[in-house]
Amino acid sequence: MGKVRRFRLLLCWLVWPMCVSANVQLSQHDYLLLKPAFTAIDKGELKTAYQQLISVEKQLRGDYAKALLLSNLGQLELQWENYNKAITYLRQSLQLQALPENQQISLRRTLAQLYCVQAQWRACIREMKQWMQLQPEKISERDYLMLAQAYSERSQWRKVIAPITAAINRRPVAPQNWFQLKVMAYVQLKQWAKAIKTQRRLLGHYPAKADNWRYLVSLQLQGGQYKAALASQRIGYERGILSGAADYRLLAQMLLQAGIPFHAGKVLEKGLKTGLLDANEKTLRLLSHCWINAHEKKRAAAALVRLNTVSPSDKGLRQLASTQIQLQDWRSAQRTLKKLIHRTKSERPEVQLLLGIVNIQLKRFEEARQALSIAAKNKNQQPDAERWIHYLEQVQSS
């Protein structure tokens, strides 16, 4: 239930000593027994009143007097936050059915609230529903909220919807956690469209909180609304609300998946430039992937250089060399290919073939012949290697 509420002591029950209605009366005997407690309560001497009530409990004759005593013992225990004892007394008073109807009804509401405070959810639901049926015109948004919370604690998610909706609709702007309870109910029921609609309504009232945007995006992704999720993530980013490292990475990934790699790369570059994103393997690998897909070769090469500085790998070096060759940056490609060869003791014929081609472009013919000869020893690379060797011979003879 969250914070435990304090309930006020209902002193008005003790100021009608003789007759509340024609059908509810205190006998002279019972009145004289209860009068000292009434006087003590009037003076604010609650502990004295409590002891006096306990001392005369077994001497009372009428059900009304007994119910009055029990209800006030319950109210005193409630005042001192002894909730279990308060429940016992109030339940016994209610069971006598001797109090005036309005007091019986009010007592049932207090008892329902106490059951909720003590996490006795089944009893809370039972008493709250009975009270609501008796006094529908007095139901407040807090009563609806309490009933919804009780249902949620019992995982009765379908029954959460009606009371939490009623609670929300009774406020011009309901608290955020009321909306969150309704969203949770829809999520548990896998009713994604309704969960998204409710989360949007929440966001309309509380747009400055980043977690509200993040949860909307999460719900939209879960519900298969990928375009809407991207739009929400992008709006939150552009407004400066989704400003965390994870927000930048998610937006870049979503843009990339949506076929917008250039903008994905720009998002990552902004994060790196501002220091929000660390220039680590994860970020640089994603950045290079964005630029490669965007056919931004120079940017891709720069990202791959940074990636292979931070975390060199065969795949990363191959990608870098391939990009450098496409850019006709032969010297850089030569350095990259040599690094790739030196990573292992094997001859790596496919890399040797590329190195031979690059060396031809650099007019380093002997180095080219050596690399191509190694490549030609491999049956898979032999045809291409021999063609380049033949080309090399033509170049040298001209």
Protein backbone atom coordinates (compact mmCIF):
# COMPACT_ATOMS: atom_id res chain seq x y z
CA MET A 1 0.00 0.00 0.00
CA GLY A 2 3.01 2.32 0.33
CA LYS A 3 2.84 4.74 3.23
CA VAL A 4 0.65 3.70 6.14
CA ARG A 5 -2.03 6.24 6.80
CA ARG A 6 -3.08 7.45 10.20
CA PHE A 7 -6.83 7.43 10.82
CA ARG A 8 -8.56 9.93 13.03
CA LEU A 9 -10.23 8.93 16.26
CA LEU A 10 -13.99 9.24 15.80
CA LEU A 11 -14.89 10.94 19.08
CA CYS A 12 -18.43 11.72 17.93
CA TRP A 13 -19.48 8.17 18.74
CA LEU A 14 -19.03 8.90 22.43
CA VAL A 15 -21.01 12.11 22.70
CA TRP A 16 -24.44 10.54 22.30
CA PRO A 17 -24.73 8.87 25.70
CA MET A 18 -28.40 8.15 26.08
CA CYS A 19 -30.23 8.00 22.77
CA VAL A 20 -29.08 8.17 19.19
CA SER A 21 -32.42 7.28 17.64
CA ALA A 22 -35.67 5.77 18.66
CA ASN A 23 -34.27 2.32 18.05
CA VAL A 24 -30.81 2.82 19.57
CA GLN A 25 -30.61 3.61 23.29
CA LEU A 26 -28.22 3.23 26.22
CA SER A 27 -29.76 1.94 29.41
CA GLN A 28 -29.11 3.87 32.62
CA HIS A 29 -26.90 0.98 33.79
CA ASP A 30 -24.74 0.97 30.66
CA TYR A 31 -24.61 4.76 30.53
CA LEU A 32 -23.24 5.04 34.06
CA LEU A 33 -20.58 2.44 33.26
CA LEU A 34 -19.47 4.25 30.09
CA LYS A 35 -19.72 7.82 31.38
CA PRO A 36 -16.23 7.94 33.01
CA ALA A 37 -14.68 6.91 29.69
CA PHE A 38 -16.71 9.59 27.87
CA THR A 39 -15.43 12.20 30.32
CA ALA A 40 -11.81 11.05 29.98
CA ILE A 41 -12.01 11.28 26.19
CA ASP A 42 -13.48 14.78 26.43
CA LYS A 43 -10.42 15.72 28.49
CA GLY A 44 -8.03 14.06 26.04
CA GLU A 45 -7.05 11.42 28.60
CA LEU A 46 -7.07 8.57 26.13
CA LYS A 47 -5.11 6.00 28.13
CA THR A 48 -7.38 6.54 31.12
CA ALA A 49 -10.41 6.18 28.85
CA TYR A 50 -8.99 2.96 27.42
CA GLN A 51 -8.48 1.40 30.86
CA GLN A 52 -11.97 2.38 31.95
CA LEU A 53 -13.49 0.83 28.82
CA ILE A 54 -11.59 -2.41 29.40
CA SER A 55 -12.67 -2.52 33.03
CA VAL A 56 -16.41 -2.30 32.28
CA GLU A 57 -16.49 -4.41 29.10
CA LYS A 58 -17.94 -7.53 30.73
CA GLN A 59 -20.47 -5.57 32.78
CA LEU A 60 -22.37 -4.07 29.85
CA ARG A 61 -25.78 -5.52 29.03
CA GLY A 62 -27.03 -3.98 25.79
CA ASP A 63 -25.66 -4.74 22.32
CA TYR A 64 -25.54 -1.04 21.51
CA ALA A 65 -23.41 -0.34 24.57
CA LYS A 66 -21.12 -3.26 23.72
CA ALA A 67 -20.79 -2.14 20.10
CA LEU A 68 -20.09 1.42 21.23
CA LEU A 69 -17.40 0.23 23.63
CA LEU A 70 -15.76 -2.05 21.05
CA SER A 71 -15.79 0.58 18.33
CA ASN A 72 -14.13 3.09 20.63
CA LEU A 73 -11.53 0.59 21.80
CA GLY A 74 -10.81 0.01 18.13
CA GLN A 75 -10.54 3.72 17.47
CA LEU A 76 -8.13 4.13 20.38
CA GLU A 77 -5.93 1.27 19.16
CA LEU A 78 -6.04 2.82 15.71
CA GLN A 79 -4.94 6.16 17.16
CA TRP A 80 -1.91 4.40 18.63
CA GLU A 81 -1.29 2.53 15.37
CA ASN A 82 -1.99 -0.87 16.89
CA TYR A 83 -3.74 -1.91 13.72
CA ASN A 84 -4.26 -5.61 14.39
CA LYS A 85 -5.94 -4.90 17.73
CA ALA A 86 -7.98 -2.15 16.10
CA ILE A 87 -9.21 -4.59 13.47
CA THR A 88 -10.26 -7.10 16.13
CA TYR A 89 -12.30 -4.56 18.09
CA LEU A 90 -13.90 -2.93 15.05
CA ARG A 91 -14.83 -6.28 13.52
CA GLN A 92 -16.48 -7.40 16.77
CA SER A 93 -18.39 -4.12 16.94
CA LEU A 94 -19.57 -4.48 13.36
CA GLN A 95 -20.71 -8.06 13.92
CA LEU A 96 -23.09 -6.94 16.69
CA GLN A 97 -25.01 -4.82 14.13
CA ALA A 98 -26.17 -2.59 16.96
CA LEU A 99 -24.84 0.82 15.93
CA PRO A 100 -26.90 3.28 13.91
CA GLU A 101 -26.78 2.56 10.19
CA ASN A 102 -24.57 5.52 9.31
CA GLN A 103 -22.04 4.48 11.96
CA GLN A 104 -22.13 0.87 10.80
CA ILE A 105 -21.39 1.97 7.26
CA SER A 106 -18.59 4.30 8.34
CA LEU A 107 -17.13 1.56 10.51
CA ARG A 108 -17.07 -0.83 7.56
CA ARG A 109 -15.09 1.70 5.51
CA THR A 110 -12.54 2.18 8.31
CA LEU A 111 -12.23 -1.57 8.69
CA ALA A 112 -11.65 -1.97 4.94
CA GLN A 113 -8.89 0.63 5.06
CA LEU A 114 -7.26 -1.11 8.01
CA TYR A 115 -7.32 -4.46 6.24
CA CYS A 116 -5.50 -2.84 3.35
CA VAL A 117 -2.92 -1.24 5.64
CA GLN A 118 -2.25 -4.66 7.14
CA ALA A 119 -2.03 -6.28 3.68
CA GLN A 120 -5.10 -8.44 4.34
CA TRP A 121 -6.15 -7.98 0.75
CA ARG A 122 -9.04 -10.43 0.54
CA ALA A 123 -10.73 -8.86 3.57
CA CYS A 124 -9.95 -5.36 2.29
CA ILE A 125 -11.68 -6.12 -1.00
CA ARG A 126 -14.68 -7.70 0.71
CA GLU A 127 -15.28 -4.83 3.14
CA MET A 128 -14.55 -2.09 0.61
CA LYS A 129 -16.97 -3.52 -1.95
CA GLN A 130 -19.70 -3.88 0.68
CA TRP A 131 -19.20 -0.30 1.82
CA MET A 132 -19.25 0.97 -1.77
CA GLN A 133 -22.57 -0.77 -2.40
CA LEU A 134 -24.05 0.87 0.69
CA GLN A 135 -22.84 4.41 0.00
CA PRO A 136 -21.97 4.81 -3.68
CA GLU A 137 -22.44 8.57 -3.48
CA LYS A 138 -19.63 8.88 -0.92
CA ILE A 139 -16.99 6.89 -2.79
CA SER A 140 -13.85 8.96 -3.28
CA GLU A 141 -10.98 8.48 -5.71
CA ARG A 142 -8.89 7.23 -2.78
CA ASP A 143 -11.40 4.46 -2.14
CA TYR A 144 -11.25 3.38 -5.77
CA LEU A 145 -7.46 3.51 -5.61
CA MET A 146 -7.34 1.35 -2.50
CA LEU A 147 -9.60 -1.25 -4.09
CA ALA A 148 -7.48 -1.28 -7.26
CA GLN A 149 -4.31 -1.70 -5.20
CA ALA A 150 -5.84 -4.56 -3.27
CA TYR A 151 -6.76 -6.35 -6.50
CA SER A 152 -3.25 -5.78 -7.85
CA GLU A 153 -1.71 -7.32 -4.74
CA ARG A 154 -3.75 -10.44 -5.45
CA SER A 155 -2.76 -10.33 -9.13
CA GLN A 156 -6.42 -9.95 -10.15
CA TRP A 157 -5.42 -7.64 -12.97
CA ARG A 158 -8.72 -7.59 -14.85
CA LYS A 159 -10.45 -6.33 -11.72
CA VAL A 160 -7.87 -3.56 -11.28
CA ILE A 161 -8.97 -1.73 -14.43
CA ALA A 162 -12.42 -0.42 -13.42
CA PRO A 163 -11.53 1.05 -9.99
CA ILE A 164 -8.23 2.59 -11.08
CA THR A 165 -9.94 4.13 -14.11
CA ALA A 166 -12.61 5.59 -11.84
CA ALA A 167 -9.93 6.98 -9.52
CA ILE A 168 -8.01 8.58 -12.39
CA ASN A 169 -11.12 10.10 -13.96
CA ARG A 170 -12.09 11.81 -10.71
CA ARG A 171 -8.96 13.96 -10.77
CA PRO A 172 -8.16 16.71 -13.30
CA VAL A 173 -4.62 15.35 -13.23
CA ALA A 174 -4.19 12.09 -11.37
CA PRO A 175 -0.87 11.25 -9.67
CA GLN A 176 1.65 9.49 -11.87
CA ASN A 177 1.60 6.25 -9.89
CA TRP A 178 -2.15 5.88 -10.49
CA PHE A 179 -1.54 5.79 -14.23
CA GLN A 180 1.37 3.41 -13.67
CA LEU A 181 -0.90 0.97 -11.85
CA LYS A 182 -3.34 0.99 -14.77
CA VAL A 183 -0.52 0.50 -17.26
CA MET A 184 0.82 -2.39 -15.18
CA ALA A 185 -2.58 -4.06 -15.23
CA TYR A 186 -2.76 -3.86 -19.02
CA VAL A 187 0.81 -5.14 -19.32
CA GLN A 188 0.03 -8.13 -17.12
CA LEU A 189 -2.97 -8.81 -19.35
CA LYS A 190 -0.77 -8.33 -22.46
CA GLN A 191 -3.18 -5.69 -23.73
CA TRP A 192 -0.40 -3.66 -25.33
CA ALA A 193 -2.53 -1.16 -27.24
CA LYS A 194 -4.40 -0.14 -24.08
CA ALA A 195 -1.18 -0.03 -22.08
CA ILE A 196 0.36 2.26 -24.71
CA LYS A 197 -2.72 4.51 -24.76
CA THR A 198 -2.61 4.87 -20.97
CA GLN A 199 1.14 5.52 -20.98
CA ARG A 200 0.62 8.23 -23.60
CA ARG A 201 -1.97 9.84 -21.35
CA LEU A 202 0.48 9.69 -18.44
CA LEU A 203 3.16 11.25 -20.64
CA GLY A 204 0.80 14.05 -21.57
CA HIS A 205 0.64 15.07 -17.91
CA TYR A 206 4.26 14.27 -16.97
CA PRO A 207 6.33 14.88 -20.13
CA ALA A 208 9.55 15.98 -18.43
CA LYS A 209 10.37 12.62 -16.86
CA ALA A 210 12.69 10.53 -19.01
CA ASP A 211 11.52 7.20 -17.59
CA ASN A 212 8.01 7.91 -18.86
CA TRP A 213 9.36 8.21 -22.40
CA ARG A 214 11.54 5.13 -22.00
CA TYR A 215 8.61 3.03 -20.82
CA LEU A 216 6.44 4.24 -23.70
CA VAL A 217 9.13 3.18 -26.17
CA SER A 218 9.46 -0.17 -24.40
CA LEU A 219 5.71 -0.77 -24.60
CA GLN A 220 5.59 0.21 -28.26
CA LEU A 221 8.40 -2.20 -29.07
CA GLN A 222 6.69 -4.94 -27.07
CA GLY A 223 3.45 -4.25 -28.93
CA GLY A 224 5.15 -4.37 -32.32
CA GLN A 225 4.68 -0.64 -32.97
CA TYR A 226 8.23 -0.15 -34.24
CA LYS A 227 7.67 3.07 -36.20
CA ALA A 228 5.86 4.63 -33.25
CA ALA A 229 8.64 3.51 -30.91
CA LEU A 230 11.26 5.15 -33.13
CA ALA A 231 9.20 8.33 -33.29
CA SER A 232 8.85 8.44 -29.50
CA GLN A 233 12.55 7.78 -28.95
CA ARG A 234 13.47 10.46 -31.48
CA ILE A 235 11.12 13.06 -29.99
CA GLY A 236 12.47 12.41 -26.50
CA TYR A 237 16.02 12.74 -27.82
CA GLU A 238 15.33 15.94 -29.75
CA ARG A 239 13.69 17.52 -26.70
CA GLY A 240 16.75 16.73 -24.61
CA ILE A 241 14.80 14.45 -22.29
CA LEU A 242 16.27 11.13 -23.41
CA SER A 243 19.84 12.22 -22.81
CA GLY A 244 21.51 9.17 -21.31
CA ALA A 245 24.14 7.01 -22.98
CA ALA A 246 21.70 4.12 -23.31
CA ASP A 247 19.16 6.48 -24.90
CA TYR A 248 21.66 7.53 -27.57
CA ARG A 249 22.66 3.94 -28.33
CA LEU A 250 19.05 2.77 -28.53
CA LEU A 251 18.10 5.58 -30.89
CA ALA A 252 21.09 4.81 -33.11
CA GLN A 253 20.19 1.11 -33.20
CA MET A 254 16.56 1.89 -34.01
CA LEU A 255 17.53 4.31 -36.78
CA LEU A 256 19.92 1.75 -38.21
CA GLN A 257 17.25 -0.97 -38.19
CA ALA A 258 14.82 1.45 -39.83
CA GLY A 259 17.25 1.99 -42.72
CA ILE A 260 18.41 5.46 -41.62
CA PRO A 261 22.10 4.73 -40.89
CA PHE A 262 23.40 8.25 -41.58
CA HIS A 263 21.29 9.80 -38.81
CA ALA A 264 22.21 6.89 -36.55
CA GLY A 265 25.87 7.72 -37.06
CA LYS A 266 25.25 11.40 -36.35
CA VAL A 267 23.58 10.54 -33.04
CA LEU A 268 26.56 8.43 -31.99
CA GLU A 269 29.05 11.09 -33.09
CA LYS A 270 27.22 13.68 -31.02
CA GLY A 271 27.35 11.40 -27.99
CA LEU A 272 31.09 10.80 -28.46
CA LYS A 273 31.82 14.48 -29.04
CA THR A 274 30.00 15.59 -25.89
CA GLY A 275 31.58 12.83 -23.81
CA LEU A 276 28.23 11.26 -23.07
CA LEU A 277 29.29 8.07 -24.85
CA ASP A 278 32.56 6.34 -24.10
CA ALA A 279 34.73 5.55 -27.10
CA ASN A 280 34.67 1.86 -26.26
CA GLU A 281 34.42 -1.20 -28.46
CA LYS A 282 30.62 -1.38 -28.28
CA THR A 283 30.08 2.22 -29.34
CA LEU A 284 32.78 2.33 -32.02
CA ARG A 285 31.64 -0.93 -33.55
CA LEU A 286 28.10 0.42 -33.84
CA LEU A 287 29.40 3.71 -35.24
CA SER A 288 31.47 1.98 -37.92
CA HIS A 289 28.50 -0.20 -38.82
CA CYS A 290 26.36 2.93 -39.27
CA TRP A 291 28.86 4.61 -41.59
CA ILE A 292 29.45 1.46 -43.61
CA ASN A 293 25.69 1.07 -44.16
CA ALA A 294 25.41 4.77 -45.01
CA HIS A 295 28.21 4.37 -47.60
CA GLU A 296 30.17 7.06 -45.78
CA LYS A 297 33.56 5.50 -46.49
CA LYS A 298 35.79 8.19 -44.96
CA ARG A 299 33.74 8.28 -41.78
CA ALA A 300 33.65 4.47 -41.72
CA ALA A 301 37.44 4.30 -42.07
CA ALA A 302 37.95 6.83 -39.25
CA ALA A 303 35.60 4.88 -36.98
CA LEU A 304 37.31 1.58 -37.83
CA VAL A 305 40.74 3.06 -37.07
CA ARG A 306 39.49 4.07 -33.62
CA LEU A 307 37.84 0.68 -33.13
CA ASN A 308 41.00 -1.24 -34.00
CA THR A 309 43.04 1.01 -31.72
CA VAL A 310 40.74 0.28 -28.80
CA SER A 311 40.03 -3.38 -29.60
CA PRO A 312 41.90 -4.82 -32.59
CA SER A 313 40.38 -7.89 -34.22
CA ASP A 314 40.70 -9.77 -37.49
CA LYS A 315 37.21 -8.75 -38.56
CA GLY A 316 37.79 -5.11 -37.70
CA LEU A 317 41.10 -4.98 -39.52
CA ARG A 318 39.60 -6.66 -42.60
CA GLN A 319 36.77 -4.12 -42.65
CA LEU A 320 39.25 -1.29 -42.27
CA ALA A 321 41.52 -2.58 -45.04
CA SER A 322 38.55 -3.09 -47.37
CA THR A 323 37.33 0.45 -46.72
CA GLN A 324 40.81 1.91 -47.24
CA ILE A 325 41.14 0.03 -50.54
CA GLN A 326 37.76 1.42 -51.68
CA LEU A 327 39.06 4.88 -50.82
CA GLN A 328 42.29 4.08 -52.69
CA ASP A 329 44.22 4.95 -49.55
CA TRP A 330 46.91 2.46 -50.48
CA ARG A 331 49.50 3.25 -47.81
CA SER A 332 46.97 3.01 -45.01
CA ALA A 333 45.62 -0.23 -46.49
CA GLN A 334 49.17 -1.63 -46.65
CA ARG A 335 49.76 -0.90 -42.95
CA THR A 336 46.44 -2.43 -41.99
CA LEU A 337 47.03 -5.61 -44.01
CA LYS A 338 50.48 -6.06 -42.50
CA LYS A 339 49.01 -5.74 -39.01
CA LEU A 340 46.46 -8.38 -39.93
CA ILE A 341 49.17 -10.77 -41.19
CA HIS A 342 51.32 -10.27 -38.11
CA ARG A 343 48.46 -11.17 -35.75
CA THR A 344 49.03 -14.89 -36.50
CA LYS A 345 51.89 -17.05 -37.71
CA SER A 346 49.92 -18.42 -40.68
CA GLU A 347 50.51 -17.05 -44.19
CA ARG A 348 46.88 -15.95 -44.64
CA PRO A 349 46.73 -16.23 -48.45
CA GLU A 350 43.53 -14.16 -48.80
CA VAL A 351 45.23 -11.27 -47.01
CA GLN A 352 48.44 -11.77 -49.00
CA LEU A 353 46.42 -11.41 -52.21
CA LEU A 354 45.09 -8.03 -51.09
CA LEU A 355 48.54 -6.96 -49.93
CA GLY A 356 49.96 -7.87 -53.33
CA ILE A 357 47.32 -5.76 -55.11
CA VAL A 358 47.98 -2.82 -52.79
CA ASN A 359 51.74 -3.05 -53.32
CA ILE A 360 51.22 -2.98 -57.08
CA GLN A 361 49.32 0.29 -56.66
CA LEU A 362 52.22 1.60 -54.55
CA LYS A 363 54.68 0.40 -57.24
CA ARG A 364 56.40 -1.82 -54.69
CA PHE A 365 56.69 -4.59 -57.21
CA GLU A 366 59.00 -7.01 -55.41
CA GLU A 367 56.87 -6.92 -52.29
CA ALA A 368 53.82 -7.39 -54.49
CA ARG A 369 55.35 -10.43 -56.22
CA GLN A 370 56.28 -11.98 -52.87
CA ALA A 371 52.77 -11.55 -51.47
CA LEU A 372 51.09 -12.82 -54.64
CA SER A 373 53.35 -15.86 -54.74
CA ILE A 374 52.30 -16.81 -51.23
CA ALA A 375 48.65 -16.34 -52.19
CA ALA A 376 49.08 -18.51 -55.30
CA LYS A 377 50.02 -21.49 -53.14
CA ASN A 378 46.43 -21.65 -51.94
CA LYS A 379 44.02 -23.31 -54.36
CA ASN A 380 41.22 -20.90 -53.53
CA GLN A 381 43.36 -17.81 -54.12
CA GLN A 382 45.48 -19.27 -56.95
CA PRO A 383 43.42 -18.10 -59.97
CA ASP A 384 43.22 -14.48 -58.80
CA ALA A 385 46.83 -14.46 -57.62
CA GLU A 386 48.11 -15.74 -60.97
CA ARG A 387 46.09 -13.12 -62.87
CA TRP A 388 47.66 -10.37 -60.76
CA ILE A 389 51.12 -11.88 -61.21
CA HIS A 390 50.58 -11.80 -64.96
CA TYR A 391 49.42 -8.18 -64.70
CA LEU A 392 52.50 -7.37 -62.63
CA GLU A 393 54.79 -8.85 -65.29
CA GLN A 394 53.10 -6.74 -67.95
CA VAL A 395 53.56 -3.60 -65.87
CA GLN A 396 57.22 -4.34 -65.24
CA SER A 397 57.94 -5.13 -68.90
CA SER A 398 56.31 -1.99 -70.26
